[in-house]
Amino acid sequence: MSLGFSGEVTEFYHRFRRGYPPAAFDAIAEAFALGEDDVVLDLGCGTGQLTVPMAARVRAVVGMDPSPDMLARARRAAADAGVTTASWLLGGDTDVPALGALLSGLGAVTVGQALHWMDHGALFAAVKPLLRPGGGIAVVTNGSPLWLQDSTWSQALRGVLSGWFGQPLTATCGTDAASQGRYRAALTACGYTTEIRTVAYTGDLTADAIVGGVYSAMGEDQLPSAEERPAFENRIRTAIAPHAPFTEPVRVTILTGRA
């Protein structure tokens, strides 16, 4: 799985992707009764937004991602946070079956927004042998994409991006109800007991954060060139400026499948 999330995109991802509220980690820990003896694997970990905070709740965490640049930035984030119980693996969802010789008895496997890039049915089946009794998998969806929200500034942003790319932007990155339903049905088919927990909050964004958030969602080959970037950013800022302040209702959905 090579998604182009490397190079300059890595820093945008680290700086501008939403973090997760403490209540989300509470919900994951409660779902699987996680404690100080547990190890958690965070698949598609990116720069560690789930991995690093989770470390405080368990014995150790393992972040796994197909991008070396993402892993390098996640490692730095862990060091900056004083986390010494995190390990990092280069790999993607298709590498999970090979982890049996390395990892077993996991308390949980977490997967964030990266799940929409994966074969979720095959992944859910491959994870099950790695889990301890009562452990499971948590699919964590951290709100909707910036350009698909029900606000005037998001609609203005969507118009700019659709014009820039020359096509409507409709991809939900797995955050929509239909995708969540497919994930839940696949978990059930694999023999997991499923449950949904939600955490809602409202965040405040700046224009810089919106621009950076857009860049964080682009593959490296999609980023505007250095020459194009001022015009691209100006289009966004001009379009959204009349709609300030930029508030963002975020609904974190934690779909859990317990083995």
Protein backbone atom coordinates (compact mmCIF):
# COMPACT_ATOMS: atom_id res chain seq x y z
CA MET A 1 0.00 0.00 0.00
CA SER A 2 1.78 3.14 -1.20
CA LEU A 3 -0.36 6.22 -0.70
CA GLY A 4 2.16 8.98 -1.30
CA PHE A 5 1.88 10.18 2.31
CA SER A 6 5.53 11.07 2.57
CA GLY A 7 7.93 13.97 2.31
CA GLU A 8 6.37 17.35 3.00
CA VAL A 9 2.92 15.86 3.55
CA THR A 10 4.22 14.16 6.68
CA GLU A 11 4.74 17.44 8.52
CA PHE A 12 1.37 18.79 7.42
CA TYR A 13 -0.18 15.57 8.71
CA HIS A 14 1.54 15.88 12.06
CA ARG A 15 0.73 19.56 12.54
CA PHE A 16 -2.81 19.76 11.25
CA ARG A 17 -4.57 16.42 11.59
CA ARG A 18 -7.02 16.41 14.48
CA GLY A 19 -5.95 14.72 17.66
CA TYR A 20 -8.37 12.64 19.70
CA PRO A 21 -10.07 13.72 22.93
CA PRO A 22 -9.28 11.77 26.12
CA ALA A 23 -12.81 10.36 26.15
CA ALA A 24 -12.05 8.46 22.94
CA PHE A 25 -9.18 6.64 24.63
CA ASP A 26 -11.40 6.01 27.65
CA ALA A 27 -13.92 4.34 25.36
CA ILE A 28 -11.30 2.11 23.71
CA ALA A 29 -9.82 1.11 27.07
CA GLU A 30 -13.25 0.32 28.49
CA ALA A 31 -14.31 -1.74 25.45
CA PHE A 32 -11.44 -4.18 25.88
CA ALA A 33 -10.66 -3.74 29.59
CA LEU A 34 -7.18 -2.54 28.67
CA GLY A 35 -4.66 -2.34 31.47
CA GLU A 36 -1.00 -2.11 32.32
CA ASP A 37 -0.25 -5.62 31.00
CA ASP A 38 -1.65 -5.00 27.52
CA VAL A 39 0.00 -4.25 24.19
CA VAL A 40 -1.91 -2.33 21.51
CA LEU A 41 -1.15 -2.30 17.79
CA ASP A 42 -2.11 0.88 15.93
CA LEU A 43 -2.37 0.04 12.23
CA GLY A 44 -1.93 2.84 9.69
CA CYS A 45 -0.60 4.92 12.56
CA GLY A 46 0.47 7.95 10.54
CA THR A 47 2.41 10.30 12.78
CA GLY A 48 1.05 8.74 15.96
CA GLN A 49 -2.13 10.67 16.81
CA LEU A 50 -3.65 7.50 18.28
CA THR A 51 -0.47 5.61 19.11
CA VAL A 52 1.30 8.11 21.34
CA PRO A 53 -1.59 8.99 23.71
CA MET A 54 -2.57 5.32 23.97
CA ALA A 55 0.85 4.50 25.41
CA ALA A 56 -0.09 5.99 28.77
CA ARG A 57 -2.87 3.44 29.23
CA VAL A 58 -1.09 0.16 28.45
CA ARG A 59 2.25 -1.59 28.82
CA ALA A 60 3.37 -0.87 25.27
CA VAL A 61 2.13 0.29 21.88
CA VAL A 62 3.23 -0.66 18.38
CA GLY A 63 2.64 1.78 15.53
CA MET A 64 2.61 0.31 12.04
CA ASP A 65 2.50 2.26 8.77
CA PRO A 66 3.64 1.75 5.16
CA SER A 67 5.35 5.16 5.02
CA PRO A 68 8.90 5.42 6.44
CA ASP A 69 8.50 9.19 6.68
CA MET A 70 5.33 8.87 8.73
CA LEU A 71 7.03 6.44 11.10
CA ALA A 72 10.06 8.68 11.50
CA ARG A 73 7.80 11.61 12.43
CA ALA A 74 5.77 9.43 14.80
CA ARG A 75 8.97 8.33 16.51
CA ARG A 76 9.92 11.96 17.05
CA ALA A 77 6.45 12.74 18.39
CA ALA A 78 6.75 9.92 20.90
CA ALA A 79 10.16 11.15 22.02
CA ASP A 80 8.83 14.71 22.37
CA ALA A 81 6.01 13.38 24.55
CA GLY A 82 8.42 11.37 26.71
CA VAL A 83 6.93 8.05 25.56
CA THR A 84 9.45 5.23 25.86
CA THR A 85 7.09 2.27 25.41
CA ALA A 86 6.35 2.72 21.70
CA SER A 87 7.79 0.58 18.92
CA TRP A 88 7.40 1.17 15.20
CA LEU A 89 6.93 -1.27 12.31
CA LEU A 90 7.07 -0.57 8.59
CA GLY A 91 4.15 -2.32 6.92
CA GLY A 92 0.53 -2.23 5.89
CA ASP A 93 -2.66 -4.20 6.32
CA THR A 94 -1.52 -7.02 4.03
CA ASP A 95 1.45 -7.62 6.36
CA VAL A 96 -0.75 -8.30 9.39
CA PRO A 97 -0.96 -12.11 8.89
CA ALA A 98 2.84 -12.29 9.18
CA LEU A 99 2.77 -10.64 12.62
CA GLY A 100 1.64 -13.82 14.36
CA ALA A 101 5.23 -14.87 15.00
CA LEU A 102 6.00 -11.48 16.51
CA LEU A 103 2.85 -10.25 18.24
CA SER A 104 0.24 -12.31 20.02
CA GLY A 105 -2.14 -11.78 22.89
CA LEU A 106 -2.79 -8.17 21.91
CA GLY A 107 -5.29 -6.25 23.99
CA ALA A 108 -6.46 -4.29 20.97
CA VAL A 109 -5.74 -3.27 17.41
CA THR A 110 -6.74 0.30 16.54
CA VAL A 111 -7.30 1.63 13.03
CA GLY A 112 -8.08 5.27 12.31
CA GLN A 113 -9.11 7.00 9.10
CA ALA A 114 -6.61 4.88 7.15
CA LEU A 115 -9.06 1.96 7.08
CA HIS A 116 -10.69 3.16 3.86
CA TRP A 117 -7.41 2.39 2.06
CA MET A 118 -7.47 -1.23 3.29
CA ASP A 119 -9.29 -4.48 2.55
CA HIS A 120 -11.21 -4.28 5.80
CA GLY A 121 -12.78 -7.74 5.62
CA ALA A 122 -9.43 -9.48 5.14
CA LEU A 123 -7.89 -7.30 7.84
CA PHE A 124 -10.55 -8.10 10.44
CA ALA A 125 -10.04 -11.82 9.85
CA ALA A 126 -6.25 -11.50 10.02
CA VAL A 127 -6.34 -9.56 13.29
CA LYS A 128 -8.41 -12.08 15.24
CA PRO A 129 -5.65 -14.67 15.87
CA LEU A 130 -3.43 -11.92 17.31
CA LEU A 131 -5.85 -10.98 20.10
CA ARG A 132 -6.12 -12.13 23.68
CA PRO A 133 -9.55 -13.28 24.90
CA GLY A 134 -11.73 -10.20 25.28
CA GLY A 135 -9.43 -8.13 23.10
CA GLY A 136 -10.56 -6.68 19.83
CA ILE A 137 -10.32 -4.15 17.07
CA ALA A 138 -11.37 -0.51 17.28
CA VAL A 139 -12.18 1.44 14.12
CA VAL A 140 -11.86 5.09 15.10
CA THR A 141 -13.39 7.73 12.83
CA ASN A 142 -12.38 11.25 13.78
CA GLY A 143 -15.09 13.42 12.25
CA SER A 144 -15.81 14.25 8.62
CA PRO A 145 -13.33 15.64 6.06
CA LEU A 146 -12.96 19.42 6.25
CA TRP A 147 -14.62 19.87 2.86
CA LEU A 148 -17.69 17.71 3.55
CA GLN A 149 -19.12 19.35 6.64
CA ASP A 150 -22.46 21.08 7.07
CA SER A 151 -21.20 24.64 7.38
CA THR A 152 -20.88 27.57 5.03
CA TRP A 153 -17.08 27.67 5.29
CA SER A 154 -16.86 23.96 4.46
CA GLN A 155 -19.14 24.41 1.46
CA ALA A 156 -16.94 27.29 0.26
CA LEU A 157 -13.84 25.13 0.71
CA ARG A 158 -15.47 22.29 -1.22
CA GLY A 159 -16.15 24.65 -4.12
CA VAL A 160 -12.51 25.73 -4.28
CA LEU A 161 -11.17 22.18 -4.16
CA SER A 162 -13.67 20.87 -6.70
CA GLY A 163 -12.62 23.65 -9.07
CA TRP A 164 -8.92 23.03 -8.47
CA PHE A 165 -9.16 19.29 -9.11
CA GLY A 166 -11.75 19.62 -11.86
CA GLN A 167 -14.27 17.28 -10.31
CA PRO A 168 -16.71 17.15 -7.39
CA LEU A 169 -15.24 15.97 -4.09
CA THR A 170 -17.45 13.24 -2.67
CA ALA A 171 -15.03 10.82 -0.97
CA THR A 172 -15.92 10.48 2.70
CA CYS A 173 -12.76 8.57 3.70
CA GLY A 174 -14.91 5.96 5.43
CA THR A 175 -16.66 8.43 7.72
CA ASP A 176 -20.17 8.05 6.25
CA ALA A 177 -22.92 5.87 7.68
CA ALA A 178 -22.81 3.42 4.76
CA SER A 179 -19.08 2.75 5.25
CA GLN A 180 -19.53 2.35 8.99
CA GLY A 181 -22.32 -0.12 8.30
CA ARG A 182 -20.09 -2.15 6.01
CA TYR A 183 -17.33 -2.22 8.61
CA ARG A 184 -19.73 -3.36 11.31
CA ALA A 185 -21.21 -6.07 9.10
CA ALA A 186 -17.71 -7.33 8.24
CA LEU A 187 -16.76 -7.47 11.92
CA THR A 188 -19.91 -9.43 12.70
CA ALA A 189 -19.20 -11.83 9.83
CA CYS A 190 -15.77 -12.51 11.35
CA GLY A 191 -17.35 -13.42 14.68
CA TYR A 192 -16.71 -10.21 16.61
CA THR A 193 -19.23 -8.74 19.04
CA THR A 194 -19.72 -5.16 17.91
CA GLU A 195 -20.61 -1.94 19.66
CA ILE A 196 -20.50 1.74 18.76
CA ARG A 197 -19.41 4.50 21.08
CA THR A 198 -19.34 8.18 20.17
CA VAL A 199 -17.59 11.25 21.53
CA ALA A 200 -18.69 14.68 20.32
CA TYR A 201 -16.96 18.01 20.69
CA THR A 202 -16.68 21.35 18.92
CA GLY A 203 -13.33 22.65 17.74
CA ASP A 204 -12.20 26.04 16.51
CA LEU A 205 -10.06 26.32 13.40
CA THR A 206 -7.95 29.04 11.86
CA ALA A 207 -7.56 29.64 8.14
CA ASP A 208 -4.00 28.30 8.47
CA ALA A 209 -5.33 25.10 10.04
CA ILE A 210 -7.84 24.64 7.23
CA VAL A 211 -5.18 25.09 4.55
CA GLY A 212 -2.82 22.76 6.42
CA GLY A 213 -5.58 20.22 6.90
CA VAL A 214 -6.22 20.18 3.16
CA TYR A 215 -2.51 19.64 2.47
CA SER A 216 -2.41 16.81 5.02
CA ALA A 217 -5.03 14.92 3.01
CA MET A 218 -3.09 15.10 -0.26
CA GLY A 219 -0.58 12.60 -1.51
CA GLU A 220 2.82 14.12 -2.12
CA ASP A 221 2.20 14.06 -5.88
CA GLN A 222 -1.05 16.03 -5.41
CA LEU A 223 0.42 18.97 -3.53
CA PRO A 224 0.41 22.21 -5.51
CA SER A 225 3.89 23.12 -6.71
CA ALA A 226 5.85 25.84 -4.95
CA GLU A 227 4.85 28.23 -7.74
CA GLU A 228 1.16 27.28 -7.55
CA ARG A 229 0.84 27.21 -3.79
CA PRO A 230 0.35 30.95 -3.08
CA ALA A 231 -2.54 31.12 -5.57
CA PHE A 232 -4.08 27.91 -4.23
CA GLU A 233 -3.93 29.12 -0.64
CA ASN A 234 -5.27 32.53 -1.60
CA ARG A 235 -8.28 30.92 -3.27
CA ILE A 236 -9.07 29.02 -0.09
CA ARG A 237 -8.57 31.98 2.23
CA THR A 238 -10.64 34.31 0.04
CA ALA A 239 -13.50 31.80 -0.25
CA ILE A 240 -13.77 30.97 3.44
CA ALA A 241 -13.04 34.42 4.92
CA PRO A 242 -16.67 35.64 4.81
CA HIS A 243 -17.70 32.60 6.84
CA ALA A 244 -15.45 33.09 9.87
CA PRO A 245 -15.30 32.06 12.67
CA PHE A 246 -14.53 28.51 11.60
CA THR A 247 -16.15 26.19 14.10
CA GLU A 248 -16.11 22.45 13.54
CA PRO A 249 -18.49 20.03 15.26
CA VAL A 250 -16.56 16.75 15.45
CA ARG A 251 -18.14 13.38 16.12
CA VAL A 252 -15.60 10.70 16.98
CA THR A 253 -17.07 7.26 16.30
CA ILE A 254 -15.44 4.23 17.92
CA LEU A 255 -16.70 1.02 16.32
CA THR A 256 -15.42 -1.89 18.37
CA GLY A 257 -15.34 -5.57 17.60
CA ARG A 258 -14.57 -7.78 20.61
CA ALA A 259 -13.16 -11.25 20.05
